[in-house]
């Protein structure tokens, strides 16, 4: 089980972002909600209309009877309503999974489409099991003084998005939702009640407003799931949402340029080494003194060194390529230049050329 920290219930932020999600693609949400309600609500509507037509016919046939409605008619009506509602659960589980998928898809920057409503087949049985098990727990909560039923709804608030997003099992999704919500159980209970109230508020506007309020249950749940459990690639619909960080326009320190003395070597006893670069500035890094061997080798004069030209004049022409003859001429014998005059570093006693400005070993500036 994940070790989840205590979450903060953001009533205004989550409801506001859920509303902005709906308004940004309200046409697609209204179409999905309309198809959802037509498929799941038409059987109940047909039974209800048939019941009232039957009552009207019985009253018309016996206008003077004190008991115009037969008792068995009422029992048949409630039996049909219960049976049709039970069968509707099997269809609503499929479409609820599709609505949750559409909300999570929009949260990642996608476009809500009608086919998203029919995309819940891969998690259908898990969603159906969570509805039946959640209904049983809710009924038990109603039997225990009514209020525990709302606690059950708050504790299992994230069961559906966990099944749809993470493909968790029914029990595992319920346990994960419970482990997070119990750390702030009172606020999650109130939040679940408010979300359900908002989703059903459209029924008071002649049932037409439910086309706008029903999608809010899925968009608000998706926003709350993003903040509580994290969601890769999720977007924010708040007006003051922070922008994504950009890697453009970064300034880096200038590359370190080695002093000319580093090209001449450090000492006749040691091979030349590269001076390390300091990322904070263009100056050499002081290195610890190198342990000298116990028995130094006898002095051997260094080989002739060809010093690089210090002329700053740019090369304007490329050297002409001359084909080499089969028997190259022998170069003239040139007397080696006299050994360069050397100086001693005052910090580490390293032998340096007379033209050195920095000590390659310890980085000390040479002053004459």
Protein backbone atom coordinates (compact mmCIF):
# COMPACT_ATOMS: atom_id res chain seq x y z
CA UNK A 1 0.00 0.00 0.00
CA UNK A 2 1.26 3.44 -0.86
CA UNK A 3 2.34 5.72 1.92
CA UNK A 4 0.14 8.70 1.11
CA UNK A 5 0.41 12.00 2.94
CA UNK A 6 -2.60 13.80 4.36
CA UNK A 7 -4.38 15.44 1.42
CA UNK A 8 -5.91 18.89 1.39
CA UNK A 9 -9.49 19.13 0.12
CA UNK A 10 -9.67 22.20 -2.14
CA UNK A 11 -13.40 22.80 -2.54
CA UNK A 12 -13.23 26.01 -4.57
CA UNK A 13 -10.21 25.09 -6.69
CA UNK A 14 -11.47 21.64 -7.68
CA UNK A 15 -15.02 22.76 -8.42
CA UNK A 16 -13.74 25.79 -10.35
CA UNK A 17 -11.36 23.73 -12.48
CA UNK A 18 -14.07 21.13 -13.10
CA UNK A 19 -16.39 23.85 -14.34
CA UNK A 20 -13.70 25.28 -16.65
CA UNK A 21 -13.06 21.80 -18.03
CA UNK A 22 -16.75 21.47 -18.86
CA UNK A 23 -17.10 24.92 -20.43
CA UNK A 24 -13.97 24.49 -22.59
CA UNK A 25 -15.61 21.50 -24.38
CA UNK A 26 -19.24 21.83 -23.31
CA UNK A 27 -20.75 20.67 -26.60
CA UNK A 28 -19.06 17.27 -26.45
CA UNK A 29 -19.95 16.87 -22.77
CA UNK A 30 -23.61 17.73 -23.39
CA UNK A 31 -23.80 15.19 -26.23
CA UNK A 32 -22.21 12.47 -24.09
CA UNK A 33 -24.51 13.24 -21.16
CA UNK A 34 -27.57 13.20 -23.44
CA UNK A 35 -26.70 9.79 -24.90
CA UNK A 36 -25.89 8.48 -21.41
CA UNK A 37 -29.25 9.60 -19.99
CA UNK A 38 -31.25 8.43 -23.00
CA UNK A 39 -29.84 4.92 -22.86
CA UNK A 40 -29.98 4.52 -19.08
CA UNK A 41 -33.09 6.58 -18.36
CA UNK A 42 -35.42 5.62 -21.19
CA UNK A 43 -36.53 2.26 -19.66
CA UNK A 44 -37.45 3.90 -16.35
CA UNK A 45 -39.21 6.72 -18.17
CA UNK A 46 -41.26 4.25 -20.22
CA UNK A 47 -42.33 2.34 -17.12
CA UNK A 48 -43.28 5.55 -15.31
CA UNK A 49 -45.30 6.91 -18.24
CA UNK A 50 -47.05 3.55 -18.66
CA UNK A 51 -47.97 3.54 -14.97
CA UNK A 52 -49.59 6.96 -15.13
CA UNK A 53 -51.45 6.07 -18.34
CA UNK A 54 -52.81 2.96 -16.64
CA UNK A 55 -53.95 5.00 -13.64
CA UNK A 56 -55.62 7.56 -15.89
CA UNK A 57 -57.49 4.80 -17.74
CA UNK A 58 -58.66 3.20 -14.49
CA UNK A 59 -59.93 6.52 -13.15
CA UNK A 60 -61.68 7.23 -16.44
CA UNK A 61 -63.38 3.81 -16.38
CA UNK A 62 -64.60 4.18 -12.78
CA UNK A 63 -64.94 7.92 -12.10
CA UNK A 64 -67.34 7.38 -9.18
CA UNK A 65 -65.46 4.53 -7.49
CA UNK A 66 -63.87 5.25 -4.11
CA UNK A 67 -60.99 2.92 -5.00
CA UNK A 68 -60.35 3.61 -8.65
CA UNK A 69 -56.73 2.38 -8.55
CA UNK A 70 -56.27 -1.31 -7.89
CA UNK A 71 -53.65 -2.15 -5.21
CA UNK A 72 -51.98 -4.70 -7.45
CA UNK A 73 -51.29 -1.94 -9.98
CA UNK A 74 -49.11 -0.08 -7.47
CA UNK A 75 -47.21 -3.26 -6.52
CA UNK A 76 -46.63 -4.06 -10.19
CA UNK A 77 -45.37 -0.53 -10.81
CA UNK A 78 -42.83 -0.63 -7.98
CA UNK A 79 -41.74 -4.11 -9.01
CA UNK A 80 -41.13 -2.93 -12.56
CA UNK A 81 -39.26 0.15 -11.38
CA UNK A 82 -36.99 -1.96 -9.18
CA UNK A 83 -36.34 -4.50 -11.94
CA UNK A 84 -35.62 -1.90 -14.59
CA UNK A 85 -33.36 0.08 -12.23
CA UNK A 86 -31.42 -3.10 -11.43
CA UNK A 87 -30.90 -3.83 -15.11
CA UNK A 88 -29.95 -0.21 -15.77
CA UNK A 89 -26.99 -0.57 -13.41
CA UNK A 90 -25.34 -2.94 -15.90
CA UNK A 91 -25.53 -0.31 -18.62
CA UNK A 92 -24.63 2.66 -16.41
CA UNK A 93 -21.42 0.93 -15.25
CA UNK A 94 -20.23 0.79 -18.85
CA UNK A 95 -21.03 4.43 -19.61
CA UNK A 96 -19.71 5.74 -16.29
CA UNK A 97 -16.33 4.18 -17.10
CA UNK A 98 -16.44 5.96 -20.46
CA UNK A 99 -17.29 9.30 -18.86
CA UNK A 100 -14.38 8.96 -16.41
CA UNK A 101 -12.07 8.11 -19.31
CA UNK A 102 -13.25 11.18 -21.20
CA UNK A 103 -12.52 13.42 -18.20
CA UNK A 104 -9.03 11.99 -17.70
CA UNK A 105 -8.39 12.28 -21.44
CA UNK A 106 -9.32 15.98 -21.41
CA UNK A 107 -7.14 16.48 -18.34
CA UNK A 108 -4.17 15.34 -20.44
CA UNK A 109 -5.02 17.82 -23.18
CA UNK A 110 -7.19 15.55 -25.34
CA UNK A 111 -10.49 16.29 -27.03
CA UNK A 112 -13.69 14.77 -25.65
CA UNK A 113 -15.55 12.74 -28.28
CA UNK A 114 -18.72 10.65 -28.37
CA UNK A 115 -16.76 7.46 -28.83
CA UNK A 116 -15.13 8.05 -25.44
CA UNK A 117 -18.51 7.21 -23.92
CA UNK A 118 -18.20 3.69 -25.33
CA UNK A 119 -14.54 3.14 -24.36
CA UNK A 120 -15.06 1.57 -20.93
CA UNK A 121 -15.17 -2.06 -22.02
CA UNK A 122 -11.72 -2.93 -20.62
CA UNK A 123 -12.72 -1.99 -17.06
CA UNK A 124 -16.45 -2.79 -17.29
CA UNK A 125 -16.57 -5.71 -14.85
CA UNK A 126 -14.36 -3.90 -12.34
CA UNK A 127 -16.60 -0.84 -12.51
CA UNK A 128 -19.71 -2.99 -12.18
CA UNK A 129 -18.26 -4.78 -9.15
CA UNK A 130 -17.35 -1.48 -7.50
CA UNK A 131 -20.92 -0.18 -8.00
CA UNK A 132 -22.51 -3.28 -6.43
CA UNK A 133 -20.05 -3.44 -3.55
CA UNK A 134 -20.27 0.31 -2.93
CA UNK A 135 -24.09 0.12 -2.96
CA UNK A 136 -24.06 -2.65 -0.37
CA UNK A 137 -21.75 -0.67 1.91
CA UNK A 138 -23.91 2.43 1.47
CA UNK A 139 -27.07 0.52 2.39
CA UNK A 140 -25.33 -0.75 5.52
CA UNK A 141 -24.36 2.84 6.30
CA UNK A 142 -28.00 3.96 5.99
CA UNK A 143 -28.99 1.23 8.42
CA UNK A 144 -26.41 2.58 10.93
CA UNK A 145 -28.10 5.90 11.65
CA UNK A 146 -28.00 7.29 8.08
CA UNK A 147 -24.84 9.45 8.39
CA UNK A 148 -22.29 6.57 7.88
CA UNK A 149 -23.65 6.19 4.34
CA UNK A 150 -22.17 9.58 3.43
CA UNK A 151 -18.88 8.58 5.08
CA UNK A 152 -18.75 5.49 2.87
CA UNK A 153 -19.30 7.71 -0.20
CA UNK A 154 -16.46 10.02 0.85
CA UNK A 155 -14.04 7.18 1.62
CA UNK A 156 -14.69 5.50 -1.77
CA UNK A 157 -14.73 8.74 -3.76
CA UNK A 158 -11.65 7.86 -5.89
CA UNK A 159 -12.54 4.22 -6.57
CA UNK A 160 -13.75 4.82 -10.15
CA UNK A 161 -10.78 6.92 -11.38
CA UNK A 162 -8.34 4.47 -9.77
CA UNK A 163 -9.96 1.61 -11.69
CA UNK A 164 -10.02 3.55 -14.96
CA UNK A 165 -6.58 5.19 -14.69
CA UNK A 166 -4.45 2.61 -12.87
CA UNK A 167 -6.45 -0.52 -13.82
CA UNK A 168 -6.65 -1.58 -10.16
CA UNK A 169 -8.94 -4.31 -8.94
CA UNK A 170 -12.20 -3.52 -7.15
CA UNK A 171 -10.98 -4.21 -3.62
CA UNK A 172 -7.54 -2.71 -4.26
CA UNK A 173 -9.05 0.49 -5.66
CA UNK A 174 -11.39 0.80 -2.68
CA UNK A 175 -8.53 0.23 -0.24
CA UNK A 176 -6.34 2.83 -2.00
CA UNK A 177 -9.14 5.39 -1.95
CA UNK A 178 -9.87 4.62 1.70
CA UNK A 179 -6.22 4.90 2.75
CA UNK A 180 -6.03 8.41 1.32
CA UNK A 181 -9.46 9.73 2.29
CA UNK A 182 -9.37 8.49 5.88
CA UNK A 183 -6.57 10.96 6.65
CA UNK A 184 -9.08 13.77 6.09
CA UNK A 185 -12.33 11.83 6.26
CA UNK A 186 -14.65 14.64 7.33
CA UNK A 187 -13.66 17.00 4.51
CA UNK A 188 -13.82 14.23 1.89
CA UNK A 189 -17.29 13.26 3.16
CA UNK A 190 -18.48 16.84 2.77
CA UNK A 191 -16.80 17.15 -0.63
CA UNK A 192 -18.45 13.96 -1.96
CA UNK A 193 -21.83 15.23 -0.77
CA UNK A 194 -21.30 18.61 -2.49
CA UNK A 195 -20.24 16.97 -5.76
CA UNK A 196 -23.30 14.71 -5.80
CA UNK A 197 -25.53 17.67 -5.02
CA UNK A 198 -24.04 19.67 -7.92
CA UNK A 199 -24.44 16.72 -10.30
CA UNK A 200 -28.13 16.32 -9.41
CA UNK A 201 -28.94 20.05 -9.25
CA UNK A 202 -29.90 20.05 -12.91
CA UNK A 203 -32.98 17.95 -12.18
CA UNK A 204 -34.60 21.00 -10.58
CA UNK A 205 -34.55 22.81 -13.95
CA UNK A 206 -37.10 20.47 -15.59
CA UNK A 207 -34.36 17.82 -15.93
CA UNK A 208 -32.80 19.81 -18.79
CA UNK A 209 -30.05 21.28 -16.61
CA UNK A 210 -28.74 17.81 -15.80
CA UNK A 211 -27.05 17.82 -19.21
CA UNK A 212 -24.72 20.49 -17.80
CA UNK A 213 -24.48 19.32 -14.19
CA UNK A 214 -23.95 15.58 -14.77
CA UNK A 215 -20.55 16.04 -16.53
CA UNK A 216 -19.33 18.11 -13.56
CA UNK A 217 -19.32 14.99 -11.40
CA UNK A 218 -16.66 13.49 -13.69
CA UNK A 219 -14.59 16.62 -14.36
CA UNK A 220 -14.41 17.61 -10.67
CA UNK A 221 -13.49 14.04 -9.70
CA UNK A 222 -10.71 14.00 -12.32
CA UNK A 223 -9.23 17.28 -11.01
CA UNK A 224 -9.32 16.05 -7.41
CA UNK A 225 -7.72 12.73 -8.46
CA UNK A 226 -4.90 14.61 -10.22
CA UNK A 227 -4.01 16.61 -7.10
CA UNK A 228 -4.32 13.71 -4.64
CA UNK A 229 -2.70 10.84 -6.55
CA UNK A 230 -0.69 12.57 -9.26
CA UNK A 231 -1.18 12.13 -12.98
CA UNK A 232 1.53 12.24 -15.62
CA UNK A 233 0.92 14.83 -18.32
CA UNK A 234 -2.10 16.35 -16.58
CA UNK A 235 -2.99 19.97 -17.26
CA UNK A 236 -4.34 22.71 -15.01
CA UNK A 237 -7.45 24.72 -15.81
CA UNK A 238 -7.03 27.34 -13.10
CA UNK A 239 -6.72 30.96 -14.33
CA UNK A 240 -3.43 31.45 -12.45
CA UNK A 241 -1.94 28.03 -13.18
CA UNK A 242 1.88 28.06 -13.31
CA UNK A 243 3.37 27.81 -16.77
CA UNK A 244 5.57 24.88 -17.68
CA UNK A 245 9.26 25.56 -17.13
CA UNK A 246 11.25 26.37 -20.25
CA UNK A 247 14.86 25.53 -21.05
CA UNK A 248 15.28 28.44 -23.44
CA UNK A 249 17.28 31.55 -22.60
CA UNK A 250 19.55 29.96 -20.03
CA UNK A 251 22.93 31.63 -19.47
CA UNK A 252 25.95 29.53 -18.76
CA UNK A 253 29.39 30.62 -17.44
CA UNK A 254 32.03 31.15 -20.14
CA UNK A 255 34.24 28.24 -20.96
CA UNK A 256 37.58 28.26 -19.18
CA UNK A 257 40.52 29.23 -21.35
CA UNK A 258 43.85 27.75 -20.32
CA UNK A 259 46.71 30.21 -19.90
CA UNK A 260 49.56 29.93 -22.40
CA UNK A 261 51.85 28.57 -19.69
CA UNK A 262 49.82 25.40 -19.50
CA UNK A 263 51.00 24.50 -22.97
CA UNK A 264 54.66 24.45 -21.99
CA UNK A 265 54.56 21.72 -19.37
CA UNK A 266 54.85 21.89 -15.61
CA UNK A 267 58.19 20.40 -14.72
CA UNK A 268 60.94 18.33 -16.32
CA UNK A 269 60.16 15.67 -13.73
CA UNK A 270 56.43 15.42 -14.47
CA UNK A 271 54.46 15.11 -17.69
CA UNK A 272 52.17 18.01 -18.54
CA UNK A 273 48.60 17.63 -17.29
CA UNK A 274 45.44 19.48 -18.21
CA UNK A 275 44.42 22.26 -15.88
CA UNK A 276 40.92 21.50 -14.49
CA UNK A 277 38.08 23.83 -15.33
CA UNK A 278 36.09 25.63 -12.66
CA UNK A 279 32.37 25.84 -13.61
CA UNK A 280 31.94 29.01 -11.53
CA UNK A 281 34.53 31.12 -13.35
CA UNK A 282 37.37 31.22 -15.83
CA UNK A 283 40.31 30.67 -13.51
CA UNK A 284 42.28 27.51 -12.68
CA UNK A 285 41.42 25.41 -9.67
CA UNK A 286 44.03 25.03 -6.98
CA UNK A 287 45.16 21.42 -6.81
CA UNK A 288 46.76 19.70 -3.81
CA UNK A 289 50.50 19.20 -4.07
CA UNK A 290 51.55 16.01 -5.76
CA UNK A 291 53.60 13.64 -3.66
CA UNK A 292 57.15 13.58 -4.97
CA UNK A 293 58.91 10.23 -5.25
CA UNK A 294 61.39 9.37 -2.54
CA UNK A 295 64.27 9.05 -4.96
CA UNK A 296 63.92 11.55 -7.82
CA UNK A 297 65.37 10.62 -11.13
CA UNK A 298 68.55 12.34 -12.23
CA UNK A 299 68.08 15.48 -14.20
CA UNK A 300 67.71 14.97 -17.89
CA UNK A 301 67.50 17.96 -20.19
CA UNK A 302 64.09 18.21 -21.83
CA UNK A 303 63.79 17.73 -25.55
CA UNK A 304 63.67 20.79 -27.73
CA UNK A 305 60.32 22.53 -27.45
CA UNK A 306 58.76 24.48 -30.26
CA UNK A 307 56.94 27.36 -28.66
CA UNK A 308 53.59 28.31 -30.20
CA UNK A 309 53.35 31.64 -31.87
CA UNK A 310 51.68 34.33 -29.81
CA UNK A 311 50.80 36.45 -32.81
CA UNK A 312 47.12 37.39 -32.77
CA UNK A 313 46.93 38.02 -36.51
CA UNK A 314 44.25 35.85 -38.10
CA UNK A 315 45.16 33.46 -40.85
CA UNK A 316 43.58 34.72 -44.02
CA UNK A 317 44.87 32.14 -46.48
CA UNK A 318 44.96 28.38 -46.32
CA UNK A 319 48.44 26.83 -46.76
CA UNK A 320 49.07 25.50 -50.20
CA UNK A 321 49.12 21.74 -50.44
CA UNK A 322 52.30 20.55 -52.18
CA UNK A 323 52.65 17.01 -53.31
CA UNK A 324 55.52 15.24 -51.62
CA UNK A 325 58.13 13.75 -53.98
CA UNK A 326 58.99 10.11 -53.90
CA UNK A 327 62.28 10.85 -52.13
CA UNK A 328 61.74 13.75 -49.76
CA UNK A 329 64.71 16.03 -49.30
CA UNK A 330 66.55 15.88 -46.04
CA UNK A 331 65.84 18.82 -43.75
CA UNK A 332 68.80 20.99 -42.92
CA UNK A 333 70.46 20.42 -39.60
CA UNK A 334 69.45 23.18 -37.25
CA UNK A 335 71.19 23.71 -34.00
CA UNK A 336 68.80 23.28 -31.04
CA UNK A 337 67.92 26.53 -29.32
CA UNK A 338 69.43 27.14 -25.95
CA UNK A 339 67.36 25.77 -23.05
CA UNK A 340 64.79 28.33 -21.92
CA UNK A 341 65.33 30.21 -18.71
CA UNK A 342 63.09 28.88 -15.93
CA UNK A 343 61.72 30.25 -12.70
CA UNK A 344 60.57 28.62 -9.48
CA UNK A 345 56.95 28.88 -8.15
CA UNK A 346 56.93 30.45 -4.69
CA UNK A 347 53.98 28.27 -3.54
CA UNK A 348 54.78 24.75 -4.69
CA UNK A 349 58.47 25.10 -5.84
CA UNK A 350 57.61 23.91 -9.32
CA UNK A 351 60.03 24.74 -12.14
CA UNK A 352 58.28 26.96 -14.69
CA UNK A 353 59.24 28.72 -17.94
CA UNK A 354 60.22 32.35 -17.63
CA UNK A 355 57.17 33.39 -19.66
CA UNK A 356 54.67 31.64 -17.36
CA UNK A 357 51.93 33.80 -15.81
CA UNK A 358 50.24 31.05 -13.80
CA UNK A 359 51.54 27.94 -12.09
CA UNK A 360 49.88 24.94 -13.79
CA UNK A 361 50.27 22.89 -10.61
CA UNK A 362 48.78 25.13 -7.92
CA UNK A 363 47.24 27.91 -10.02
CA UNK A 364 49.24 30.70 -8.31
CA UNK A 365 49.77 33.84 -10.35
CA UNK A 366 53.48 34.37 -11.08
CA UNK A 367 54.70 37.85 -10.19
CA UNK A 368 58.18 39.08 -11.14
